[in-house]
Amino acid sequence: MKRVFLWAVWGLVVVAAVDARAVVVDGVAAVVDRQVITRSEVAEAATLLRQTGASAGADAEKLALEKLVERALVEQEAARLGIEVTDEEVEQAICDICERNNLDRDKLPEALAAQGLDYDVYVQQVRARLRQMKLVSRVLRARMSVSDMALREFYLKNIPEFRDPDAVHLYHIQFPEGTSRERVEAVRARVLAGESFQDLARLVSVGPAAVEGGDMGFLPVGSLAGGVAAAIEGLEDGQVSRPVELLGTLHLFYVDQRQKGRIPPFEEVRDRVQARYFKEREQELFQSWIGSLREKARIEVKM
């Protein structure tokens, strides 16, 4: 059974709210105010970091402890602000995770058990993670403000990132498996004689967009698969490709329109510029905020 990756970023291990007096057997790695981080929690988190390649050797335990301290600080702040997560939000998050892992929702408990994980504990972890995400989003949103001038400067420094790529509007006919090349050439000849490629696609194509006349929409030229790119290379608007074999079946492609890439004006991509600007500053702001929480908290490291 394949491994289920619970979160796209490191954040699986959630620090439980444990009173220092409750820790009797397990060793104490650190205490954040009255919340204890045990040595076993650090060991489990370090193992996860090594498995995901985020860290290795002794550095994994050091990084794990640092992340667990951060998580404890975030959990305490979320509790102080009264940030809660509904059952519906938890269920939606779990369904999203299952979808990303191509896993049936009903099979999740079994998949977790195969990895030595308890389902009920996992649900609690998802809830805690969502709570933390809500808190961080609220804090960062409150701290994020930027002038129009700063955004324009960012845009000018990163113009290549906002450039619209060369694109092509394609139509496509996929022929049934076993269709002869002569049959495909005959359909191509009808297009060259003036028949509508779209009408022929509706008539003979078995492709996913056949009912739409084989319309593939505008696609960035750089994103085309090698066989498709080679098939339409040099074709101008209104021209049809020669038959091309892809994955065992024959295909025809029709170039409806080519668009040259361009650099859109700032006003047109302002929202994209702002999103990219905030994404770059997000980690910086998060670390600044965590630093302020560290300064106010009493943190004792015991390992």
C-alpha atoms as a PDB file:
ATOM      1  CA  MET A   1       0.000   0.000   0.000  1.00  0.00           C
ATOM      2  CA  LYS A   2       1.403   3.359  -0.961  1.00  0.00           C
ATOM      3  CA  ARG A   3       2.414   5.906   1.620  1.00  0.00           C
ATOM      4  CA  VAL A   4      -0.087   8.698   2.250  1.00  0.00           C
ATOM      5  CA  PHE A   5       1.535  12.127   2.403  1.00  0.00           C
ATOM      6  CA  LEU A   6      -0.600  13.997   4.868  1.00  0.00           C
ATOM      7  CA  TRP A   7       0.573  17.532   4.100  1.00  0.00           C
ATOM      8  CA  ALA A   8       2.461  19.048   1.230  1.00  0.00           C
ATOM      9  CA  VAL A   9       4.761  20.850   3.660  1.00  0.00           C
ATOM     10  CA  TRP A  10       6.392  19.678   6.877  1.00  0.00           C
ATOM     11  CA  GLY A  11       3.798  19.972   9.568  1.00  0.00           C
ATOM     12  CA  LEU A  12       2.495  16.495  10.259  1.00  0.00           C
ATOM     13  CA  VAL A  13       3.553  16.253  13.881  1.00  0.00           C
ATOM     14  CA  VAL A  14       1.263  18.366  16.022  1.00  0.00           C
ATOM     15  CA  VAL A  15       2.317  19.199  19.542  1.00  0.00           C
ATOM     16  CA  ALA A  16      -0.290  18.060  22.002  1.00  0.00           C
ATOM     17  CA  ALA A  17      -1.141  20.298  24.932  1.00  0.00           C
ATOM     18  CA  VAL A  18       0.568  18.431  27.751  1.00  0.00           C
ATOM     19  CA  ASP A  19       1.011  19.766  31.263  1.00  0.00           C
ATOM     20  CA  ALA A  20       4.555  19.420  32.577  1.00  0.00           C
ATOM     21  CA  ARG A  21       3.294  17.475  35.610  1.00  0.00           C
ATOM     22  CA  ALA A  22       1.765  14.825  33.313  1.00  0.00           C
ATOM     23  CA  VAL A  23       5.122  13.752  31.845  1.00  0.00           C
ATOM     24  CA  VAL A  24       6.433  10.954  34.007  1.00  0.00           C
ATOM     25  CA  VAL A  25       7.995   8.268  31.817  1.00  0.00           C
ATOM     26  CA  ASP A  26       8.949  10.055  28.615  1.00  0.00           C
ATOM     27  CA  GLY A  27      11.949  12.388  28.694  1.00  0.00           C
ATOM     28  CA  VAL A  28      11.378  16.104  28.383  1.00  0.00           C
ATOM     29  CA  ALA A  29      13.030  17.755  25.375  1.00  0.00           C
ATOM     30  CA  ALA A  30      11.691  21.265  25.981  1.00  0.00           C
ATOM     31  CA  VAL A  31       9.014  23.206  27.812  1.00  0.00           C
ATOM     32  CA  VAL A  32       7.244  26.100  26.090  1.00  0.00           C
ATOM     33  CA  ASP A  33       5.537  27.953  28.940  1.00  0.00           C
ATOM     34  CA  ARG A  34       3.643  24.983  30.494  1.00  0.00           C
ATOM     35  CA  GLN A  35       3.472  22.929  27.272  1.00  0.00           C
ATOM     36  CA  VAL A  36       5.883  20.005  27.150  1.00  0.00           C
ATOM     37  CA  ILE A  37       7.663  18.642  24.099  1.00  0.00           C
ATOM     38  CA  THR A  38       8.857  15.102  24.788  1.00  0.00           C
ATOM     39  CA  ARG A  39      11.956  13.374  23.471  1.00  0.00           C
ATOM     40  CA  SER A  40       9.790  10.784  21.713  1.00  0.00           C
ATOM     41  CA  GLU A  41       7.964  13.574  19.854  1.00  0.00           C
ATOM     42  CA  VAL A  42      11.303  14.963  18.707  1.00  0.00           C
ATOM     43  CA  ALA A  43      12.439  11.495  17.616  1.00  0.00           C
ATOM     44  CA  GLU A  44       9.224  10.898  15.633  1.00  0.00           C
ATOM     45  CA  ALA A  45       9.443  14.315  13.988  1.00  0.00           C
ATOM     46  CA  ALA A  46      13.117  13.792  13.135  1.00  0.00           C
ATOM     47  CA  THR A  47      12.284  10.439  11.532  1.00  0.00           C
ATOM     48  CA  LEU A  48       9.658  12.136   9.374  1.00  0.00           C
ATOM     49  CA  LEU A  49      12.154  14.816   8.315  1.00  0.00           C
ATOM     50  CA  ARG A  50      14.675  12.140   7.314  1.00  0.00           C
ATOM     51  CA  GLN A  51      12.023  10.179   5.385  1.00  0.00           C
ATOM     52  CA  THR A  52      10.972  13.259   3.414  1.00  0.00           C
ATOM     53  CA  GLY A  53      14.584  14.340   2.811  1.00  0.00           C
ATOM     54  CA  ALA A  54      14.101  17.650   4.619  1.00  0.00           C
ATOM     55  CA  SER A  55      17.042  16.963   6.919  1.00  0.00           C
ATOM     56  CA  ALA A  56      19.528  14.244   7.824  1.00  0.00           C
ATOM     57  CA  GLY A  57      21.646  12.979  10.694  1.00  0.00           C
ATOM     58  CA  ALA A  58      21.831  14.885  13.959  1.00  0.00           C
ATOM     59  CA  ASP A  59      20.574  18.023  12.196  1.00  0.00           C
ATOM     60  CA  ALA A  60      17.180  16.343  11.839  1.00  0.00           C
ATOM     61  CA  GLU A  61      16.629  16.269  15.601  1.00  0.00           C
ATOM     62  CA  LYS A  62      17.731  19.882  15.964  1.00  0.00           C
ATOM     63  CA  LEU A  63      15.374  21.014  13.198  1.00  0.00           C
ATOM     64  CA  ALA A  64      12.564  18.830  14.558  1.00  0.00           C
ATOM     65  CA  LEU A  65      12.839  20.418  18.003  1.00  0.00           C
ATOM     66  CA  GLU A  66      12.873  23.900  16.477  1.00  0.00           C
ATOM     67  CA  LYS A  67       9.721  23.155  14.461  1.00  0.00           C
ATOM     68  CA  LEU A  68       7.974  21.625  17.462  1.00  0.00           C
ATOM     69  CA  VAL A  69       8.720  24.709  19.548  1.00  0.00           C
ATOM     70  CA  GLU A  70       7.314  26.890  16.770  1.00  0.00           C
ATOM     71  CA  ARG A  71       4.226  24.708  16.590  1.00  0.00           C
ATOM     72  CA  ALA A  72       3.685  24.941  20.333  1.00  0.00           C
ATOM     73  CA  LEU A  73       3.905  28.737  20.160  1.00  0.00           C
ATOM     74  CA  VAL A  74       1.394  28.831  17.310  1.00  0.00           C
ATOM     75  CA  GLU A  75      -1.006  26.473  19.125  1.00  0.00           C
ATOM     76  CA  GLN A  76      -0.910  28.600  22.260  1.00  0.00           C
ATOM     77  CA  GLU A  77      -1.579  31.785  20.293  1.00  0.00           C
ATOM     78  CA  ALA A  78      -4.483  30.133  18.446  1.00  0.00           C
ATOM     79  CA  ALA A  79      -6.006  29.093  21.771  1.00  0.00           C
ATOM     80  CA  ARG A  80      -5.560  32.610  23.163  1.00  0.00           C
ATOM     81  CA  LEU A  81      -7.373  34.140  20.167  1.00  0.00           C
ATOM     82  CA  GLY A  82     -10.147  31.556  20.240  1.00  0.00           C
ATOM     83  CA  ILE A  83      -9.554  30.303  16.703  1.00  0.00           C
ATOM     84  CA  GLU A  84     -11.585  27.153  16.056  1.00  0.00           C
ATOM     85  CA  VAL A  85     -12.122  24.706  13.187  1.00  0.00           C
ATOM     86  CA  THR A  86     -15.481  23.132  12.324  1.00  0.00           C
ATOM     87  CA  ASP A  87     -16.056  19.411  11.697  1.00  0.00           C
ATOM     88  CA  GLU A  88     -17.021  20.279   8.117  1.00  0.00           C
ATOM     89  CA  GLU A  89     -13.671  22.010   7.528  1.00  0.00           C
ATOM     90  CA  VAL A  90     -11.810  18.980   8.888  1.00  0.00           C
ATOM     91  CA  GLU A  91     -13.756  16.581   6.674  1.00  0.00           C
ATOM     92  CA  GLN A  92     -13.174  18.748   3.580  1.00  0.00           C
ATOM     93  CA  ALA A  93      -9.435  18.872   4.299  1.00  0.00           C
ATOM     94  CA  ILE A  94      -9.291  15.079   4.690  1.00  0.00           C
ATOM     95  CA  CYS A  95     -11.196  14.591   1.423  1.00  0.00           C
ATOM     96  CA  ASP A  96      -8.775  16.955  -0.344  1.00  0.00           C
ATOM     97  CA  ILE A  97      -5.785  15.014   1.006  1.00  0.00           C
ATOM     98  CA  CYS A  98      -7.316  11.719  -0.157  1.00  0.00           C
ATOM     99  CA  GLU A  99      -7.956  13.177  -3.617  1.00  0.00           C
ATOM    100  CA  ARG A 100      -4.346  14.372  -3.946  1.00  0.00           C
ATOM    101  CA  ASN A 101      -3.146  10.886  -2.996  1.00  0.00           C
ATOM    102  CA  ASN A 102      -5.642   9.087  -5.292  1.00  0.00           C
ATOM    103  CA  LEU A 103      -7.052   7.331  -2.241  1.00  0.00           C
ATOM    104  CA  ASP A 104     -10.681   6.494  -1.508  1.00  0.00           C
ATOM    105  CA  ARG A 105     -11.882   8.364   1.571  1.00  0.00           C
ATOM    106  CA  ASP A 106     -13.200   5.111   3.070  1.00  0.00           C
ATOM    107  CA  LYS A 107      -9.766   3.498   2.720  1.00  0.00           C
ATOM    108  CA  LEU A 108      -7.967   6.206   4.721  1.00  0.00           C
ATOM    109  CA  PRO A 109      -8.101   4.439   8.139  1.00  0.00           C
ATOM    110  CA  GLU A 110      -6.590   1.330   6.553  1.00  0.00           C
ATOM    111  CA  ALA A 111      -3.868   3.336   4.775  1.00  0.00           C
ATOM    112  CA  LEU A 112      -2.957   5.106   8.008  1.00  0.00           C
ATOM    113  CA  ALA A 113      -2.880   1.841   9.979  1.00  0.00           C
ATOM    114  CA  ALA A 114      -0.453   0.420   7.414  1.00  0.00           C
ATOM    115  CA  GLN A 115       1.876   3.305   8.300  1.00  0.00           C
ATOM    116  CA  GLY A 116       1.449   2.771  12.036  1.00  0.00           C
ATOM    117  CA  LEU A 117      -0.791   5.833  12.440  1.00  0.00           C
ATOM    118  CA  ASP A 118      -4.011   5.990  14.457  1.00  0.00           C
ATOM    119  CA  TYR A 119      -7.001   7.405  12.553  1.00  0.00           C
ATOM    120  CA  ASP A 120      -8.471   9.351  15.487  1.00  0.00           C
ATOM    121  CA  VAL A 121      -5.088  10.904  16.256  1.00  0.00           C
ATOM    122  CA  TYR A 122      -4.724  11.784  12.585  1.00  0.00           C
ATOM    123  CA  VAL A 123      -8.082  13.596  12.566  1.00  0.00           C
ATOM    124  CA  GLN A 124      -6.957  15.568  15.617  1.00  0.00           C
ATOM    125  CA  GLN A 125      -3.743  16.460  13.778  1.00  0.00           C
ATOM    126  CA  VAL A 126      -5.688  17.690  10.760  1.00  0.00           C
ATOM    127  CA  ARG A 127      -7.878  19.853  12.981  1.00  0.00           C
ATOM    128  CA  ALA A 128      -4.842  21.318  14.750  1.00  0.00           C
ATOM    129  CA  ARG A 129      -3.071  21.964  11.452  1.00  0.00           C
ATOM    130  CA  LEU A 130      -6.111  23.804  10.046  1.00  0.00           C
ATOM    131  CA  ARG A 131      -6.308  25.854  13.225  1.00  0.00           C
ATOM    132  CA  GLN A 132      -2.674  26.835  12.847  1.00  0.00           C
ATOM    133  CA  MET A 133      -3.168  27.744   9.189  1.00  0.00           C
ATOM    134  CA  LYS A 134      -6.100  29.985  10.116  1.00  0.00           C
ATOM    135  CA  LEU A 135      -4.021  31.729  12.750  1.00  0.00           C
ATOM    136  CA  VAL A 136      -1.009  32.258  10.509  1.00  0.00           C
ATOM    137  CA  SER A 137      -3.259  33.525   7.706  1.00  0.00           C
ATOM    138  CA  ARG A 138      -4.887  36.038  10.040  1.00  0.00           C
ATOM    139  CA  VAL A 139      -1.578  37.242  11.446  1.00  0.00           C
ATOM    140  CA  LEU A 140       0.177  37.565   8.089  1.00  0.00           C
ATOM    141  CA  ARG A 141      -2.805  39.238   6.437  1.00  0.00           C
ATOM    142  CA  ALA A 142      -2.821  41.848   9.188  1.00  0.00           C
ATOM    143  CA  ARG A 143       0.891  42.505   8.660  1.00  0.00           C
ATOM    144  CA  MET A 144       0.835  42.542   4.885  1.00  0.00           C
ATOM    145  CA  SER A 145       0.471  45.988   3.380  1.00  0.00           C
ATOM    146  CA  VAL A 146       2.255  47.321   0.343  1.00  0.00           C
ATOM    147  CA  SER A 147       2.179  50.535  -1.648  1.00  0.00           C
ATOM    148  CA  ASP A 148       1.422  50.677  -5.338  1.00  0.00           C
ATOM    149  CA  MET A 149       4.910  52.067  -5.914  1.00  0.00           C
ATOM    150  CA  ALA A 150       6.518  49.055  -4.208  1.00  0.00           C
ATOM    151  CA  LEU A 151       4.461  46.693  -6.359  1.00  0.00           C
ATOM    152  CA  ARG A 152       5.479  48.519  -9.538  1.00  0.00           C
ATOM    153  CA  GLU A 153       9.159  48.260  -8.531  1.00  0.00           C
ATOM    154  CA  PHE A 154       8.712  44.526  -7.854  1.00  0.00           C
ATOM    155  CA  TYR A 155       7.028  44.112 -11.246  1.00  0.00           C
ATOM    156  CA  LEU A 156       9.884  45.853 -13.086  1.00  0.00           C
ATOM    157  CA  LYS A 157      12.500  43.722 -11.311  1.00  0.00           C
ATOM    158  CA  ASN A 158      10.662  40.483 -12.168  1.00  0.00           C
ATOM    159  CA  ILE A 159       9.157  41.196 -15.586  1.00  0.00           C
ATOM    160  CA  PRO A 160      10.091  37.772 -17.083  1.00  0.00           C
ATOM    161  CA  GLU A 161       7.912  36.061 -14.468  1.00  0.00           C
ATOM    162  CA  PHE A 162       4.826  37.933 -15.665  1.00  0.00           C
ATOM    163  CA  ARG A 163       5.415  37.519 -19.393  1.00  0.00           C
ATOM    164  CA  ASP A 164       2.622  35.728 -21.271  1.00  0.00           C
ATOM    165  CA  PRO A 165       4.225  32.815 -23.188  1.00  0.00           C
ATOM    166  CA  ASP A 166       3.807  32.037 -26.874  1.00  0.00           C
ATOM    167  CA  ALA A 167       0.499  30.156 -27.224  1.00  0.00           C
ATOM    168  CA  VAL A 168      -1.390  28.234 -29.869  1.00  0.00           C
ATOM    169  CA  HIS A 169      -5.086  27.410 -30.242  1.00  0.00           C
ATOM    170  CA  LEU A 170      -5.365  23.797 -31.360  1.00  0.00           C
ATOM    171  CA  TYR A 171      -8.075  21.437 -32.553  1.00  0.00           C
ATOM    172  CA  HIS A 172      -7.489  17.704 -32.426  1.00  0.00           C
ATOM    173  CA  ILE A 173      -8.738  14.459 -33.943  1.00  0.00           C
ATOM    174  CA  GLN A 174      -7.850  11.183 -32.250  1.00  0.00           C
ATOM    175  CA  PHE A 175      -8.626   8.172 -34.426  1.00  0.00           C
ATOM    176  CA  PRO A 176      -9.809   4.842 -33.009  1.00  0.00           C
ATOM    177  CA  GLU A 177      -7.122   2.277 -32.329  1.00  0.00           C
ATOM    178  CA  GLY A 178      -6.355   0.262 -35.446  1.00  0.00           C
ATOM    179  CA  THR A 179      -7.282   3.044 -37.909  1.00  0.00           C
ATOM    180  CA  SER A 180      -5.055   2.840 -40.973  1.00  0.00           C
ATOM    181  CA  ARG A 181      -2.793   5.689 -42.008  1.00  0.00           C
ATOM    182  CA  GLU A 182      -4.590   5.766 -45.355  1.00  0.00           C
ATOM    183  CA  ARG A 183      -7.890   6.486 -43.568  1.00  0.00           C
ATOM    184  CA  VAL A 184      -6.263   9.333 -41.608  1.00  0.00           C
ATOM    185  CA  GLU A 185      -4.738  10.771 -44.790  1.00  0.00           C
ATOM    186  CA  ALA A 186      -8.199  10.684 -46.397  1.00  0.00           C
ATOM    187  CA  VAL A 187      -9.661  12.749 -43.526  1.00  0.00           C
ATOM    188  CA  ARG A 188      -6.724  15.162 -43.786  1.00  0.00           C
ATOM    189  CA  ALA A 189      -7.379  15.533 -47.517  1.00  0.00           C
ATOM    190  CA  ARG A 190     -10.971  16.538 -46.787  1.00  0.00           C
ATOM    191  CA  VAL A 191      -9.696  19.299 -44.455  1.00  0.00           C
ATOM    192  CA  LEU A 192      -7.282  20.490 -47.145  1.00  0.00           C
ATOM    193  CA  ALA A 193     -10.196  20.537 -49.596  1.00  0.00           C
ATOM    194  CA  GLY A 194     -12.080  22.951 -47.352  1.00  0.00           C
ATOM    195  CA  GLU A 195     -14.196  20.826 -45.008  1.00  0.00           C
ATOM    196  CA  SER A 196     -14.460  21.974 -41.407  1.00  0.00           C
ATOM    197  CA  PHE A 197     -11.905  20.297 -39.162  1.00  0.00           C
ATOM    198  CA  GLN A 198     -14.285  20.761 -36.223  1.00  0.00           C
ATOM    199  CA  ASP A 199     -17.160  18.995 -38.041  1.00  0.00           C
ATOM    200  CA  LEU A 200     -14.887  16.100 -38.952  1.00  0.00           C
ATOM    201  CA  ALA A 201     -13.659  15.882 -35.351  1.00  0.00           C
ATOM    202  CA  ARG A 202     -17.252  15.534 -34.133  1.00  0.00           C
ATOM    203  CA  LEU A 203     -17.795  12.827 -36.745  1.00  0.00           C
ATOM    204  CA  VAL A 204     -14.713  10.615 -36.404  1.00  0.00           C
ATOM    205  CA  SER A 205     -12.698  11.572 -33.294  1.00  0.00           C
ATOM    206  CA  VAL A 206     -12.642   9.458 -30.130  1.00  0.00           C
ATOM    207  CA  GLY A 207     -10.712  12.127 -28.250  1.00  0.00           C
ATOM    208  CA  PRO A 208     -11.975  13.702 -25.002  1.00  0.00           C
ATOM    209  CA  ALA A 209     -13.031  16.955 -26.737  1.00  0.00           C
ATOM    210  CA  ALA A 210     -14.709  15.368 -29.762  1.00  0.00           C
ATOM    211  CA  VAL A 211     -18.148  16.830 -29.015  1.00  0.00           C
ATOM    212  CA  GLU A 212     -16.554  20.310 -28.933  1.00  0.00           C
ATOM    213  CA  GLY A 213     -15.006  19.734 -32.346  1.00  0.00           C
ATOM    214  CA  GLY A 214     -11.712  18.656 -30.828  1.00  0.00           C
ATOM    215  CA  ASP A 215     -11.146  22.082 -29.276  1.00  0.00           C
ATOM    216  CA  MET A 216      -8.046  22.020 -27.043  1.00  0.00           C
ATOM    217  CA  GLY A 217      -8.127  25.756 -26.360  1.00  0.00           C
ATOM    218  CA  PHE A 218      -5.088  28.025 -26.176  1.00  0.00           C
ATOM    219  CA  LEU A 219      -2.023  26.200 -24.869  1.00  0.00           C
ATOM    220  CA  PRO A 220       1.454  27.558 -24.030  1.00  0.00           C
ATOM    221  CA  VAL A 221       3.762  26.305 -26.762  1.00  0.00           C
ATOM    222  CA  GLY A 222       6.362  25.337 -24.182  1.00  0.00           C
ATOM    223  CA  SER A 223       3.896  23.055 -22.389  1.00  0.00           C
ATOM    224  CA  LEU A 224       3.122  20.862 -25.409  1.00  0.00           C
ATOM    225  CA  ALA A 225       4.249  17.244 -25.348  1.00  0.00           C
ATOM    226  CA  GLY A 226       7.166  16.513 -27.649  1.00  0.00           C
ATOM    227  CA  GLY A 227       5.111  14.645 -30.236  1.00  0.00           C
ATOM    228  CA  VAL A 228       2.478  17.369 -30.446  1.00  0.00           C
ATOM    229  CA  ALA A 229       5.062  20.147 -30.623  1.00  0.00           C
ATOM    230  CA  ALA A 230       6.863  18.351 -33.448  1.00  0.00           C
ATOM    231  CA  ALA A 231       3.584  17.734 -35.314  1.00  0.00           C
ATOM    232  CA  ILE A 232       2.628  21.417 -35.452  1.00  0.00           C
ATOM    233  CA  GLU A 233       6.112  22.874 -35.821  1.00  0.00           C
ATOM    234  CA  GLY A 234       6.154  25.346 -38.704  1.00  0.00           C
ATOM    235  CA  LEU A 235       2.389  25.264 -39.212  1.00  0.00           C
ATOM    236  CA  GLU A 236       0.640  28.586 -39.650  1.00  0.00           C
ATOM    237  CA  ASP A 237      -2.929  29.573 -38.773  1.00  0.00           C
ATOM    238  CA  GLY A 238      -5.460  27.426 -40.632  1.00  0.00           C
ATOM    239  CA  GLN A 239      -3.064  24.555 -41.398  1.00  0.00           C
ATOM    240  CA  VAL A 240      -3.424  20.879 -40.445  1.00  0.00           C
ATOM    241  CA  SER A 241      -0.645  18.547 -39.381  1.00  0.00           C
ATOM    242  CA  ARG A 242       0.346  15.329 -41.040  1.00  0.00           C
ATOM    243  CA  PRO A 243      -0.760  12.142 -39.249  1.00  0.00           C
ATOM    244  CA  VAL A 244       1.196  11.595 -36.043  1.00  0.00           C
ATOM    245  CA  GLU A 245       1.262   8.468 -33.896  1.00  0.00           C
ATOM    246  CA  LEU A 246       1.009   9.062 -30.151  1.00  0.00           C
ATOM    247  CA  LEU A 247       0.586   6.311 -27.580  1.00  0.00           C
ATOM    248  CA  GLY A 248      -0.433   3.770 -30.172  1.00  0.00           C
ATOM    249  CA  THR A 249      -3.108   5.765 -32.015  1.00  0.00           C
ATOM    250  CA  LEU A 250      -3.046   8.207 -34.923  1.00  0.00           C
ATOM    251  CA  HIS A 251      -3.875  11.907 -34.550  1.00  0.00           C
ATOM    252  CA  LEU A 252      -4.342  15.088 -36.567  1.00  0.00           C
ATOM    253  CA  PHE A 253      -3.851  18.610 -35.185  1.00  0.00           C
ATOM    254  CA  TYR A 254      -5.241  21.825 -36.625  1.00  0.00           C
ATOM    255  CA  VAL A 255      -3.633  25.186 -35.833  1.00  0.00           C
ATOM    256  CA  ASP A 256      -6.429  27.692 -35.462  1.00  0.00           C
ATOM    257  CA  GLN A 257      -4.416  30.663 -34.175  1.00  0.00           C
ATOM    258  CA  ARG A 258      -0.956  31.407 -32.840  1.00  0.00           C
ATOM    259  CA  GLN A 259      -0.336  34.161 -30.292  1.00  0.00           C
ATOM    260  CA  LYS A 260       3.071  35.668 -29.672  1.00  0.00           C
ATOM    261  CA  GLY A 261       4.114  36.018 -26.080  1.00  0.00           C
ATOM    262  CA  ARG A 262       3.995  39.504 -24.643  1.00  0.00           C
ATOM    263  CA  ILE A 263       4.753  41.464 -21.510  1.00  0.00           C
ATOM    264  CA  PRO A 264       1.401  42.618 -20.110  1.00  0.00           C
ATOM    265  CA  PRO A 265       1.232  46.100 -18.555  1.00  0.00           C
ATOM    266  CA  PHE A 266       1.367  46.385 -14.769  1.00  0.00           C
ATOM    267  CA  GLU A 267      -2.315  47.329 -14.502  1.00  0.00           C
ATOM    268  CA  GLU A 268      -3.315  44.102 -16.225  1.00  0.00           C
ATOM    269  CA  VAL A 269      -1.355  41.809 -13.898  1.00  0.00           C
ATOM    270  CA  ARG A 270      -1.455  43.813 -10.673  1.00  0.00           C
ATOM    271  CA  ASP A 271      -3.193  41.018  -8.741  1.00  0.00           C
ATOM    272  CA  ARG A 272      -0.592  38.489  -9.891  1.00  0.00           C
ATOM    273  CA  VAL A 273       2.205  40.875  -8.932  1.00  0.00           C
ATOM    274  CA  GLN A 274       0.729  41.392  -5.472  1.00  0.00           C
ATOM    275  CA  ALA A 275       0.250  37.652  -4.902  1.00  0.00           C
ATOM    276  CA  ARG A 276       3.864  36.951  -5.946  1.00  0.00           C
ATOM    277  CA  TYR A 277       5.143  39.806  -3.766  1.00  0.00           C
ATOM    278  CA  PHE A 278       3.312  38.539  -0.685  1.00  0.00           C
ATOM    279  CA  LYS A 279       4.404  34.960  -1.341  1.00  0.00           C
ATOM    280  CA  GLU A 280       8.041  36.035  -1.274  1.00  0.00           C
ATOM    281  CA  ARG A 281       7.533  37.998   1.938  1.00  0.00           C
ATOM    282  CA  GLU A 282       5.395  35.356   3.668  1.00  0.00           C
ATOM    283  CA  GLN A 283       8.267  33.372   5.199  1.00  0.00           C
ATOM    284  CA  GLU A 284      10.036  36.552   6.260  1.00  0.00           C
ATOM    285  CA  LEU A 285       6.892  37.813   8.008  1.00  0.00           C
ATOM    286  CA  PHE A 286       6.214  34.428   9.599  1.00  0.00           C
ATOM    287  CA  GLN A 287       9.707  34.220  11.060  1.00  0.00           C
ATOM    288  CA  SER A 288       9.415  37.764  12.379  1.00  0.00           C
ATOM    289  CA  TRP A 289       6.104  36.917  14.034  1.00  0.00           C
ATOM    290  CA  ILE A 290       7.438  33.649  15.504  1.00  0.00           C
ATOM    291  CA  GLY A 291      10.406  35.611  16.838  1.00  0.00           C
ATOM    292  CA  SER A 292       8.074  37.963  18.685  1.00  0.00           C
ATOM    293  CA  LEU A 293       6.257  34.969  20.212  1.00  0.00           C
ATOM    294  CA  ARG A 294       9.587  33.465  21.292  1.00  0.00           C
ATOM    295  CA  GLU A 295      10.546  36.686  23.036  1.00  0.00           C
ATOM    296  CA  LYS A 296       7.328  36.680  25.075  1.00  0.00           C
ATOM    297  CA  ALA A 297       7.359  32.947  25.897  1.00  0.00           C
ATOM    298  CA  ARG A 298       9.346  31.052  28.490  1.00  0.00           C
ATOM    299  CA  ILE A 299      11.204  28.344  26.593  1.00  0.00           C
ATOM    300  CA  GLU A 300      13.398  25.782  28.344  1.00  0.00           C
ATOM    301  CA  VAL A 301      15.379  23.406  26.130  1.00  0.00           C
ATOM    302  CA  LYS A 302      16.522  20.292  27.996  1.00  0.00           C
ATOM    303  CA  MET A 303      18.316  18.286  25.319  1.00  0.00           C
END
